[in-house]
PDB file of N, CA and C in Angstrom:
ATOM      1  N   MET A   1     -14.422  -7.257 -26.182  1.00  0.00           N
ATOM      2  CA  MET A   1     -13.859  -5.944 -25.779  1.00  0.00           C
ATOM      3  C   MET A   1     -14.217  -4.929 -26.873  1.00  0.00           C
ATOM      4  N   ASN A   2     -14.694  -3.801 -26.475  1.00  0.00           N
ATOM      5  CA  ASN A   2     -15.057  -2.814 -27.542  1.00  0.00           C
ATOM      6  C   ASN A   2     -13.781  -2.160 -27.989  1.00  0.00           C
ATOM      7  N   GLU A   3     -13.948  -1.476 -29.161  1.00  0.00           N
ATOM      8  CA  GLU A   3     -12.836  -0.878 -29.846  1.00  0.00           C
ATOM      9  C   GLU A   3     -12.184   0.255 -28.975  1.00  0.00           C
ATOM     10  N   LEU A   4     -12.851   0.988 -28.291  1.00  0.00           N
ATOM     11  CA  LEU A   4     -12.326   2.094 -27.466  1.00  0.00           C
ATOM     12  C   LEU A   4     -11.441   1.514 -26.372  1.00  0.00           C
ATOM     13  N   VAL A   5     -11.920   0.431 -25.667  1.00  0.00           N
ATOM     14  CA  VAL A   5     -11.195  -0.153 -24.590  1.00  0.00           C
ATOM     15  C   VAL A   5     -10.023  -0.773 -25.116  1.00  0.00           C
ATOM     16  N   MET A   6     -10.122  -1.455 -26.344  1.00  0.00           N
ATOM     17  CA  MET A   6      -8.936  -2.176 -26.935  1.00  0.00           C
ATOM     18  C   MET A   6      -7.859  -1.150 -27.341  1.00  0.00           C
ATOM     19  N   LYS A   7      -8.208   0.067 -27.901  1.00  0.00           N
ATOM     20  CA  LYS A   7      -7.289   1.043 -28.203  1.00  0.00           C
ATOM     21  C   LYS A   7      -6.585   1.601 -26.981  1.00  0.00           C
ATOM     22  N   GLU A   8      -7.363   1.786 -25.851  1.00  0.00           N
ATOM     23  CA  GLU A   8      -6.865   2.318 -24.678  1.00  0.00           C
ATOM     24  C   GLU A   8      -5.859   1.343 -24.073  1.00  0.00           C
ATOM     25  N   THR A   9      -6.163   0.077 -24.140  1.00  0.00           N
ATOM     26  CA  THR A   9      -5.290  -1.030 -23.627  1.00  0.00           C
ATOM     27  C   THR A   9      -3.987  -1.028 -24.378  1.00  0.00           C
ATOM     28  N   LEU A  10      -4.114  -0.877 -25.688  1.00  0.00           N
ATOM     29  CA  LEU A  10      -2.876  -0.901 -26.650  1.00  0.00           C
ATOM     30  C   LEU A  10      -2.077   0.327 -26.280  1.00  0.00           C
ATOM     31  N   SER A  11      -2.674   1.491 -26.183  1.00  0.00           N
ATOM     32  CA  SER A  11      -1.960   2.713 -25.952  1.00  0.00           C
ATOM     33  C   SER A  11      -1.184   2.659 -24.483  1.00  0.00           C
ATOM     34  N   ASN A  12      -1.846   2.035 -23.559  1.00  0.00           N
ATOM     35  CA  ASN A  12      -1.198   1.948 -22.209  1.00  0.00           C
ATOM     36  C   ASN A  12       0.003   1.057 -22.313  1.00  0.00           C
ATOM     37  N   ASN A  13      -0.025   0.136 -23.292  1.00  0.00           N
ATOM     38  CA  ASN A  13       1.119  -0.885 -23.356  1.00  0.00           C
ATOM     39  C   ASN A  13       2.148  -0.367 -24.387  1.00  0.00           C
ATOM     40  N   ALA A  14       1.903   0.767 -25.036  1.00  0.00           N
ATOM     41  CA  ALA A  14       2.843   1.302 -25.996  1.00  0.00           C
ATOM     42  C   ALA A  14       4.015   1.825 -25.372  1.00  0.00           C
ATOM     43  N   LEU A  15       5.258   1.608 -25.917  1.00  0.00           N
ATOM     44  CA  LEU A  15       6.491   2.089 -25.348  1.00  0.00           C
ATOM     45  C   LEU A  15       6.691   3.605 -25.689  1.00  0.00           C
ATOM     46  N   THR A  16       7.055   4.279 -24.643  1.00  0.00           N
ATOM     47  CA  THR A  16       7.424   5.753 -24.867  1.00  0.00           C
ATOM     48  C   THR A  16       8.840   5.697 -25.351  1.00  0.00           C
ATOM     49  N   ALA A  17       9.358   6.875 -25.874  1.00  0.00           N
ATOM     50  CA  ALA A  17      10.710   6.953 -26.430  1.00  0.00           C
ATOM     51  C   ALA A  17      11.700   6.573 -25.308  1.00  0.00           C
ATOM     52  N   GLU A  18      11.474   6.997 -24.105  1.00  0.00           N
ATOM     53  CA  GLU A  18      12.396   6.681 -23.008  1.00  0.00           C
ATOM     54  C   GLU A  18      12.406   5.167 -22.677  1.00  0.00           C
ATOM     55  N   GLU A  19      11.217   4.645 -22.623  1.00  0.00           N
ATOM     56  CA  GLU A  19      10.986   3.190 -22.422  1.00  0.00           C
ATOM     57  C   GLU A  19      11.672   2.345 -23.464  1.00  0.00           C
ATOM     58  N   LEU A  20      11.584   2.807 -24.690  1.00  0.00           N
ATOM     59  CA  LEU A  20      12.200   2.041 -25.784  1.00  0.00           C
ATOM     60  C   LEU A  20      13.662   2.056 -25.665  1.00  0.00           C
ATOM     61  N   LYS A  21      14.293   3.232 -25.330  1.00  0.00           N
ATOM     62  CA  LYS A  21      15.733   3.342 -25.115  1.00  0.00           C
ATOM     63  C   LYS A  21      16.198   2.439 -23.926  1.00  0.00           C
ATOM     64  N   LEU A  22      15.418   2.367 -22.873  1.00  0.00           N
ATOM     65  CA  LEU A  22      15.681   1.544 -21.758  1.00  0.00           C
ATOM     66  C   LEU A  22      15.581   0.038 -22.151  1.00  0.00           C
ATOM     67  N   ALA A  23      14.534  -0.285 -22.869  1.00  0.00           N
ATOM     68  CA  ALA A  23      14.369  -1.619 -23.390  1.00  0.00           C
ATOM     69  C   ALA A  23      15.518  -2.064 -24.224  1.00  0.00           C
ATOM     70  N   GLN A  24      15.987  -1.160 -25.131  1.00  0.00           N
ATOM     71  CA  GLN A  24      17.206  -1.457 -25.890  1.00  0.00           C
ATOM     72  C   GLN A  24      18.372  -1.716 -25.063  1.00  0.00           C
ATOM     73  N   LEU A  25      18.588  -0.984 -24.054  1.00  0.00           N
ATOM     74  CA  LEU A  25      19.667  -1.204 -23.050  1.00  0.00           C
ATOM     75  C   LEU A  25      19.609  -2.528 -22.387  1.00  0.00           C
ATOM     76  N   ILE A  26      18.438  -2.960 -21.965  1.00  0.00           N
ATOM     77  CA  ILE A  26      18.198  -4.147 -21.258  1.00  0.00           C
ATOM     78  C   ILE A  26      18.420  -5.353 -22.262  1.00  0.00           C
ATOM     79  N   VAL A  27      17.868  -5.239 -23.538  1.00  0.00           N
ATOM     80  CA  VAL A  27      18.071  -6.268 -24.527  1.00  0.00           C
ATOM     81  C   VAL A  27      19.601  -6.434 -24.840  1.00  0.00           C
ATOM     82  N   SER A  28      20.279  -5.402 -25.074  1.00  0.00           N
ATOM     83  CA  SER A  28      21.716  -5.474 -25.374  1.00  0.00           C
ATOM     84  C   SER A  28      22.576  -5.986 -24.191  1.00  0.00           C
ATOM     85  N   SER A  29      22.208  -5.495 -22.972  1.00  0.00           N
ATOM     86  CA  SER A  29      23.048  -5.868 -21.726  1.00  0.00           C
ATOM     87  C   SER A  29      22.940  -7.339 -21.484  1.00  0.00           C
ATOM     88  N   LEU A  30      21.711  -7.821 -21.672  1.00  0.00           N
ATOM     89  CA  LEU A  30      21.435  -9.270 -21.346  1.00  0.00           C
ATOM     90  C   LEU A  30      21.488 -10.189 -22.541  1.00  0.00           C
ATOM     91  N   ASN A  31      21.768  -9.663 -23.692  1.00  0.00           N
ATOM     92  CA  ASN A  31      21.881 -10.435 -24.992  1.00  0.00           C
ATOM     93  C   ASN A  31      20.598 -11.229 -25.229  1.00  0.00           C
ATOM     94  N   LEU A  32      19.418 -10.565 -24.985  1.00  0.00           N
ATOM     95  CA  LEU A  32      18.092 -11.189 -25.185  1.00  0.00           C
ATOM     96  C   LEU A  32      17.848 -11.385 -26.686  1.00  0.00           C
ATOM     97  N   GLU A  33      17.076 -12.344 -26.962  1.00  0.00           N
ATOM     98  CA  GLU A  33      16.718 -12.636 -28.383  1.00  0.00           C
ATOM     99  C   GLU A  33      15.454 -11.860 -28.775  1.00  0.00           C
ATOM    100  N   THR A  34      14.795 -11.262 -27.893  1.00  0.00           N
ATOM    101  CA  THR A  34      13.526 -10.526 -28.189  1.00  0.00           C
ATOM    102  C   THR A  34      13.921  -9.044 -28.710  1.00  0.00           C
ATOM    103  N   GLN A  35      13.051  -8.507 -29.382  1.00  0.00           N
ATOM    104  CA  GLN A  35      13.291  -7.088 -29.900  1.00  0.00           C
ATOM    105  C   GLN A  35      12.862  -6.080 -28.823  1.00  0.00           C
ATOM    106  N   ALA A  36      13.467  -5.036 -28.600  1.00  0.00           N
ATOM    107  CA  ALA A  36      13.070  -4.041 -27.576  1.00  0.00           C
ATOM    108  C   ALA A  36      11.733  -3.553 -27.826  1.00  0.00           C
ATOM    109  N   ALA A  37      11.302  -3.330 -29.067  1.00  0.00           N
ATOM    110  CA  ALA A  37      10.041  -2.753 -29.223  1.00  0.00           C
ATOM    111  C   ALA A  37       8.893  -3.740 -28.972  1.00  0.00           C
ATOM    112  N   GLU A  38       9.124  -5.020 -28.755  1.00  0.00           N
ATOM    113  CA  GLU A  38       8.152  -6.037 -28.478  1.00  0.00           C
ATOM    114  C   GLU A  38       7.980  -6.191 -26.985  1.00  0.00           C
ATOM    115  N   ILE A  39       8.632  -5.481 -26.162  1.00  0.00           N
ATOM    116  CA  ILE A  39       8.499  -5.639 -24.696  1.00  0.00           C
ATOM    117  C   ILE A  39       7.364  -4.805 -24.271  1.00  0.00           C
ATOM    118  N   ASP A  40       6.494  -5.485 -23.415  1.00  0.00           N
ATOM    119  CA  ASP A  40       5.410  -4.931 -22.813  1.00  0.00           C
ATOM    120  C   ASP A  40       5.889  -4.046 -21.666  1.00  0.00           C
ATOM    121  N   PRO A  41       5.695  -2.704 -21.632  1.00  0.00           N
ATOM    122  CA  PRO A  41       6.252  -2.018 -20.589  1.00  0.00           C
ATOM    123  C   PRO A  41       5.583  -2.146 -19.266  1.00  0.00           C
ATOM    124  N   THR A  42       4.433  -2.791 -19.188  1.00  0.00           N
ATOM    125  CA  THR A  42       3.655  -3.068 -17.963  1.00  0.00           C
ATOM    126  C   THR A  42       3.982  -4.447 -17.379  1.00  0.00           C
ATOM    127  N   ALA A  43       4.548  -5.346 -18.257  1.00  0.00           N
ATOM    128  CA  ALA A  43       4.793  -6.753 -17.774  1.00  0.00           C
ATOM    129  C   ALA A  43       5.868  -6.769 -16.715  1.00  0.00           C
ATOM    130  N   PRO A  44       5.743  -7.735 -15.783  1.00  0.00           N
ATOM    131  CA  PRO A  44       6.774  -7.830 -14.790  1.00  0.00           C
ATOM    132  C   PRO A  44       8.152  -8.165 -15.389  1.00  0.00           C
ATOM    133  N   LEU A  45       9.184  -7.632 -14.740  1.00  0.00           N
ATOM    134  CA  LEU A  45      10.554  -7.971 -15.265  1.00  0.00           C
ATOM    135  C   LEU A  45      10.937  -9.321 -14.794  1.00  0.00           C
ATOM    136  N   TYR A  46      10.503  -9.704 -13.530  1.00  0.00           N
ATOM    137  CA  TYR A  46      10.832 -11.021 -12.994  1.00  0.00           C
ATOM    138  C   TYR A  46       9.967 -12.111 -13.574  1.00  0.00           C
ATOM    139  N   ALA A  47      10.404 -13.272 -13.454  1.00  0.00           N
ATOM    140  CA  ALA A  47       9.645 -14.508 -13.665  1.00  0.00           C
ATOM    141  C   ALA A  47       8.681 -14.495 -14.912  1.00  0.00           C
ATOM    142  N   GLU A  48       7.426 -14.500 -14.662  1.00  0.00           N
ATOM    143  CA  GLU A  48       6.461 -14.704 -15.663  1.00  0.00           C
ATOM    144  C   GLU A  48       6.386 -13.576 -16.819  1.00  0.00           C
ATOM    145  N   GLY A  49       6.870 -12.495 -16.462  1.00  0.00           N
ATOM    146  CA  GLY A  49       6.899 -11.287 -17.451  1.00  0.00           C
ATOM    147  C   GLY A  49       7.936 -11.447 -18.461  1.00  0.00           C
ATOM    148  N   MET A  50       9.114 -10.856 -18.207  1.00  0.00           N
ATOM    149  CA  MET A  50      10.320 -10.969 -19.135  1.00  0.00           C
ATOM    150  C   MET A  50      11.045 -12.136 -18.753  1.00  0.00           C
ATOM    151  N   GLY A  51      10.876 -12.699 -17.633  1.00  0.00           N
ATOM    152  CA  GLY A  51      11.621 -13.904 -17.198  1.00  0.00           C
ATOM    153  C   GLY A  51      12.987 -13.582 -16.644  1.00  0.00           C
ATOM    154  N   LEU A  52      13.215 -12.395 -16.241  1.00  0.00           N
ATOM    155  CA  LEU A  52      14.567 -12.134 -15.661  1.00  0.00           C
ATOM    156  C   LEU A  52      14.737 -12.650 -14.315  1.00  0.00           C
ATOM    157  N   ASP A  53      16.001 -13.093 -14.016  1.00  0.00           N
ATOM    158  CA  ASP A  53      16.314 -13.613 -12.639  1.00  0.00           C
ATOM    159  C   ASP A  53      17.094 -12.505 -11.835  1.00  0.00           C
ATOM    160  N   SER A  54      17.534 -12.823 -10.651  1.00  0.00           N
ATOM    161  CA  SER A  54      18.243 -11.892  -9.803  1.00  0.00           C
ATOM    162  C   SER A  54      19.586 -11.544 -10.408  1.00  0.00           C
ATOM    163  N   ILE A  55      20.244 -12.433 -11.170  1.00  0.00           N
ATOM    164  CA  ILE A  55      21.474 -12.050 -11.721  1.00  0.00           C
ATOM    165  C   ILE A  55      21.264 -11.056 -12.965  1.00  0.00           C
ATOM    166  N   ASP A  56      20.163 -11.313 -13.647  1.00  0.00           N
ATOM    167  CA  ASP A  56      19.846 -10.365 -14.736  1.00  0.00           C
ATOM    168  C   ASP A  56      19.509  -8.966 -14.230  1.00  0.00           C
ATOM    169  N   ILE A  57      18.850  -8.953 -13.125  1.00  0.00           N
ATOM    170  CA  ILE A  57      18.432  -7.655 -12.526  1.00  0.00           C
ATOM    171  C   ILE A  57      19.723  -6.923 -12.125  1.00  0.00           C
ATOM    172  N   LEU A  58      20.617  -7.686 -11.506  1.00  0.00           N
ATOM    173  CA  LEU A  58      21.964  -7.026 -11.084  1.00  0.00           C
ATOM    174  C   LEU A  58      22.659  -6.425 -12.327  1.00  0.00           C
ATOM    175  N   GLU A  59      22.657  -7.179 -13.431  1.00  0.00           N
ATOM    176  CA  GLU A  59      23.275  -6.694 -14.693  1.00  0.00           C
ATOM    177  C   GLU A  59      22.467  -5.428 -15.270  1.00  0.00           C
ATOM    178  N   VAL A  60      21.192  -5.466 -15.185  1.00  0.00           N
ATOM    179  CA  VAL A  60      20.394  -4.311 -15.586  1.00  0.00           C
ATOM    180  C   VAL A  60      20.777  -3.129 -14.705  1.00  0.00           C
ATOM    181  N   ALA A  61      20.851  -3.306 -13.434  1.00  0.00           N
ATOM    182  CA  ALA A  61      21.223  -2.267 -12.504  1.00  0.00           C
ATOM    183  C   ALA A  61      22.498  -1.596 -12.799  1.00  0.00           C
ATOM    184  N   LEU A  62      23.489  -2.438 -13.183  1.00  0.00           N
ATOM    185  CA  LEU A  62      24.844  -1.877 -13.567  1.00  0.00           C
ATOM    186  C   LEU A  62      24.736  -1.163 -14.836  1.00  0.00           C
ATOM    187  N   ALA A  63      24.031  -1.706 -15.824  1.00  0.00           N
ATOM    188  CA  ALA A  63      23.886  -1.001 -17.134  1.00  0.00           C
ATOM    189  C   ALA A  63      23.172   0.342 -16.971  1.00  0.00           C
ATOM    190  N   VAL A  64      22.148   0.388 -16.056  1.00  0.00           N
ATOM    191  CA  VAL A  64      21.385   1.598 -15.795  1.00  0.00           C
ATOM    192  C   VAL A  64      22.344   2.623 -15.153  1.00  0.00           C
ATOM    193  N   SER A  65      23.133   2.212 -14.204  1.00  0.00           N
ATOM    194  CA  SER A  65      24.020   3.041 -13.498  1.00  0.00           C
ATOM    195  C   SER A  65      25.030   3.669 -14.468  1.00  0.00           C
ATOM    196  N   LYS A  66      25.533   2.890 -15.377  1.00  0.00           N
ATOM    197  CA  LYS A  66      26.561   3.407 -16.359  1.00  0.00           C
ATOM    198  C   LYS A  66      25.870   4.351 -17.421  1.00  0.00           C
ATOM    199  N   ALA A  67      24.646   4.008 -17.888  1.00  0.00           N
ATOM    200  CA  ALA A  67      24.046   4.764 -18.865  1.00  0.00           C
ATOM    201  C   ALA A  67      23.350   5.980 -18.380  1.00  0.00           C
ATOM    202  N   TYR A  68      22.769   5.882 -17.204  1.00  0.00           N
ATOM    203  CA  TYR A  68      21.978   7.048 -16.710  1.00  0.00           C
ATOM    204  C   TYR A  68      22.486   7.726 -15.421  1.00  0.00           C
ATOM    205  N   GLY A  69      23.482   7.219 -14.889  1.00  0.00           N
ATOM    206  CA  GLY A  69      24.041   7.785 -13.587  1.00  0.00           C
ATOM    207  C   GLY A  69      23.101   7.539 -12.391  1.00  0.00           C
ATOM    208  N   VAL A  70      22.189   6.629 -12.513  1.00  0.00           N
ATOM    209  CA  VAL A  70      21.292   6.298 -11.345  1.00  0.00           C
ATOM    210  C   VAL A  70      21.867   5.091 -10.603  1.00  0.00           C
ATOM    211  N   LYS A  71      22.129   5.262  -9.375  1.00  0.00           N
ATOM    212  CA  LYS A  71      22.553   4.113  -8.568  1.00  0.00           C
ATOM    213  C   LYS A  71      21.389   3.321  -8.024  1.00  0.00           C
ATOM    214  N   LEU A  72      21.380   2.041  -8.366  1.00  0.00           N
ATOM    215  CA  LEU A  72      20.417   1.123  -7.858  1.00  0.00           C
ATOM    216  C   LEU A  72      21.066   0.150  -6.926  1.00  0.00           C
ATOM    217  N   ARG A  73      20.684   0.234  -5.687  1.00  0.00           N
ATOM    218  CA  ARG A  73      21.331  -0.630  -4.700  1.00  0.00           C
ATOM    219  C   ARG A  73      20.548  -1.856  -4.394  1.00  0.00           C
ATOM    220  N   SER A  74      21.243  -2.892  -4.152  1.00  0.00           N
ATOM    221  CA  SER A  74      20.575  -4.185  -3.856  1.00  0.00           C
ATOM    222  C   SER A  74      19.815  -4.252  -2.540  1.00  0.00           C
ATOM    223  N   ASP A  75      20.162  -3.339  -1.643  1.00  0.00           N
ATOM    224  CA  ASP A  75      19.478  -3.285  -0.311  1.00  0.00           C
ATOM    225  C   ASP A  75      18.407  -2.178  -0.352  1.00  0.00           C
ATOM    226  N   ASP A  76      18.002  -1.685  -1.419  1.00  0.00           N
ATOM    227  CA  ASP A  76      17.016  -0.589  -1.414  1.00  0.00           C
ATOM    228  C   ASP A  76      15.664  -1.289  -1.105  1.00  0.00           C
ATOM    229  N   GLU A  77      14.895  -0.725  -0.126  1.00  0.00           N
ATOM    230  CA  GLU A  77      13.626  -1.382   0.204  1.00  0.00           C
ATOM    231  C   GLU A  77      12.576  -1.263  -0.881  1.00  0.00           C
ATOM    232  N   HIS A  78      12.775  -0.291  -1.827  1.00  0.00           N
ATOM    233  CA  HIS A  78      11.862  -0.044  -2.877  1.00  0.00           C
ATOM    234  C   HIS A  78      12.170  -0.838  -4.213  1.00  0.00           C
ATOM    235  N   ASN A  79      13.047  -1.761  -4.141  1.00  0.00           N
ATOM    236  CA  ASN A  79      13.513  -2.490  -5.350  1.00  0.00           C
ATOM    237  C   ASN A  79      12.377  -3.255  -6.044  1.00  0.00           C
ATOM    238  N   ARG A  80      11.364  -3.835  -5.264  1.00  0.00           N
ATOM    239  CA  ARG A  80      10.281  -4.580  -5.893  1.00  0.00           C
ATOM    240  C   ARG A  80       9.444  -3.588  -6.628  1.00  0.00           C
ATOM    241  N   LYS A  81       9.251  -2.373  -6.107  1.00  0.00           N
ATOM    242  CA  LYS A  81       8.455  -1.425  -6.890  1.00  0.00           C
ATOM    243  C   LYS A  81       9.264  -0.947  -8.065  1.00  0.00           C
ATOM    244  N   ILE A  82      10.511  -0.656  -7.908  1.00  0.00           N
ATOM    245  CA  ILE A  82      11.346  -0.058  -8.902  1.00  0.00           C
ATOM    246  C   ILE A  82      11.480  -1.085 -10.091  1.00  0.00           C
ATOM    247  N   PHE A  83      11.726  -2.345  -9.785  1.00  0.00           N
ATOM    248  CA  PHE A  83      11.869  -3.305 -10.832  1.00  0.00           C
ATOM    249  C   PHE A  83      10.595  -4.086 -11.172  1.00  0.00           C
ATOM    250  N   ASN A  84       9.528  -3.595 -10.809  1.00  0.00           N
ATOM    251  CA  ASN A  84       8.321  -4.247 -11.057  1.00  0.00           C
ATOM    252  C   ASN A  84       8.052  -4.382 -12.537  1.00  0.00           C
ATOM    253  N   SER A  85       8.344  -3.464 -13.323  1.00  0.00           N
ATOM    254  CA  SER A  85       8.164  -3.532 -14.842  1.00  0.00           C
ATOM    255  C   SER A  85       9.098  -2.453 -15.454  1.00  0.00           C
ATOM    256  N   LEU A  86       9.177  -2.558 -16.732  1.00  0.00           N
ATOM    257  CA  LEU A  86       9.990  -1.641 -17.545  1.00  0.00           C
ATOM    258  C   LEU A  86       9.519  -0.220 -17.280  1.00  0.00           C
ATOM    259  N   ARG A  87       8.222   0.000 -17.219  1.00  0.00           N
ATOM    260  CA  ARG A  87       7.707   1.278 -17.031  1.00  0.00           C
ATOM    261  C   ARG A  87       8.056   1.812 -15.629  1.00  0.00           C
ATOM    262  N   SER A  88       7.921   1.024 -14.628  1.00  0.00           N
ATOM    263  CA  SER A  88       8.316   1.490 -13.255  1.00  0.00           C
ATOM    264  C   SER A  88       9.741   1.801 -13.202  1.00  0.00           C
ATOM    265  N   LEU A  89      10.607   0.970 -13.778  1.00  0.00           N
ATOM    266  CA  LEU A  89      12.080   1.236 -13.724  1.00  0.00           C
ATOM    267  C   LEU A  89      12.394   2.480 -14.473  1.00  0.00           C
ATOM    268  N   ASN A  90      11.722   2.727 -15.652  1.00  0.00           N
ATOM    269  CA  ASN A  90      12.005   3.961 -16.386  1.00  0.00           C
ATOM    270  C   ASN A  90      11.511   5.184 -15.571  1.00  0.00           C
ATOM    271  N   GLU A  91      10.353   5.138 -14.900  1.00  0.00           N
ATOM    272  CA  GLU A  91       9.861   6.191 -14.080  1.00  0.00           C
ATOM    273  C   GLU A  91      10.912   6.607 -12.989  1.00  0.00           C
ATOM    274  N   HIS A  92      11.426   5.523 -12.317  1.00  0.00           N
ATOM    275  CA  HIS A  92      12.497   5.711 -11.326  1.00  0.00           C
ATOM    276  C   HIS A  92      13.721   6.374 -11.911  1.00  0.00           C
ATOM    277  N   ILE A  93      14.164   5.924 -13.117  1.00  0.00           N
ATOM    278  CA  ILE A  93      15.302   6.461 -13.773  1.00  0.00           C
ATOM    279  C   ILE A  93      15.098   7.906 -14.031  1.00  0.00           C
ATOM    280  N   GLN A  94      13.935   8.279 -14.653  1.00  0.00           N
ATOM    281  CA  GLN A  94      13.644   9.630 -15.072  1.00  0.00           C
ATOM    282  C   GLN A  94      13.629  10.597 -13.866  1.00  0.00           C
ATOM    283  N   GLN A  95      13.203  10.109 -12.693  1.00  0.00           N
ATOM    284  CA  GLN A  95      13.083  10.829 -11.421  1.00  0.00           C
ATOM    285  C   GLN A  95      14.464  11.104 -10.825  1.00  0.00           C
ATOM    286  N   HIS A  96      15.392  10.120 -10.989  1.00  0.00           N
ATOM    287  CA  HIS A  96      16.715  10.165 -10.296  1.00  0.00           C
ATOM    288  C   HIS A  96      17.962  10.276 -11.157  1.00  0.00           C
ATOM    289  N   ARG A  97      17.750  10.433 -12.453  1.00  0.00           N
ATOM    290  CA  ARG A  97      18.950  10.423 -13.357  1.00  0.00           C
ATOM    291  C   ARG A  97      19.761  11.692 -13.147  1.00  0.00           C
ATOM    292  N   ALA A  98      21.089  11.512 -13.449  1.00  0.00           N
ATOM    293  CA  ALA A  98      21.992  12.637 -13.436  1.00  0.00           C
ATOM    294  C   ALA A  98      21.696  13.398 -14.744  1.00  0.00           C
ATOM    295  N   LYS A  99      21.429  14.711 -14.665  1.00  0.00           N
ATOM    296  CA  LYS A  99      21.068  15.571 -15.782  1.00  0.00           C
ATOM    297  C   LYS A  99      22.308  16.126 -16.435  1.00  0.00           C
TER     298      LYS A  99
END
């Protein structure tokens, strides 16, 4: 992999300030042993990525609701997209948060 492609890949996986704040919320809510800054924002939240299960996702949804005022419903048809990654969850929050 050439240096330019490597830098672009690294920058795409770098956490923004909002993503880091959300990662910290997830880590503290779920008592994870990983550091928030080490979370890949593009990795799946479920299974092979962060390894979260459905109960973890419910806890994250509750924490997000309290912290950001964004209601995440279990019957939302877009949940797979919303909870696909830290980045997709953050994008949803930023679009729907109570200002």
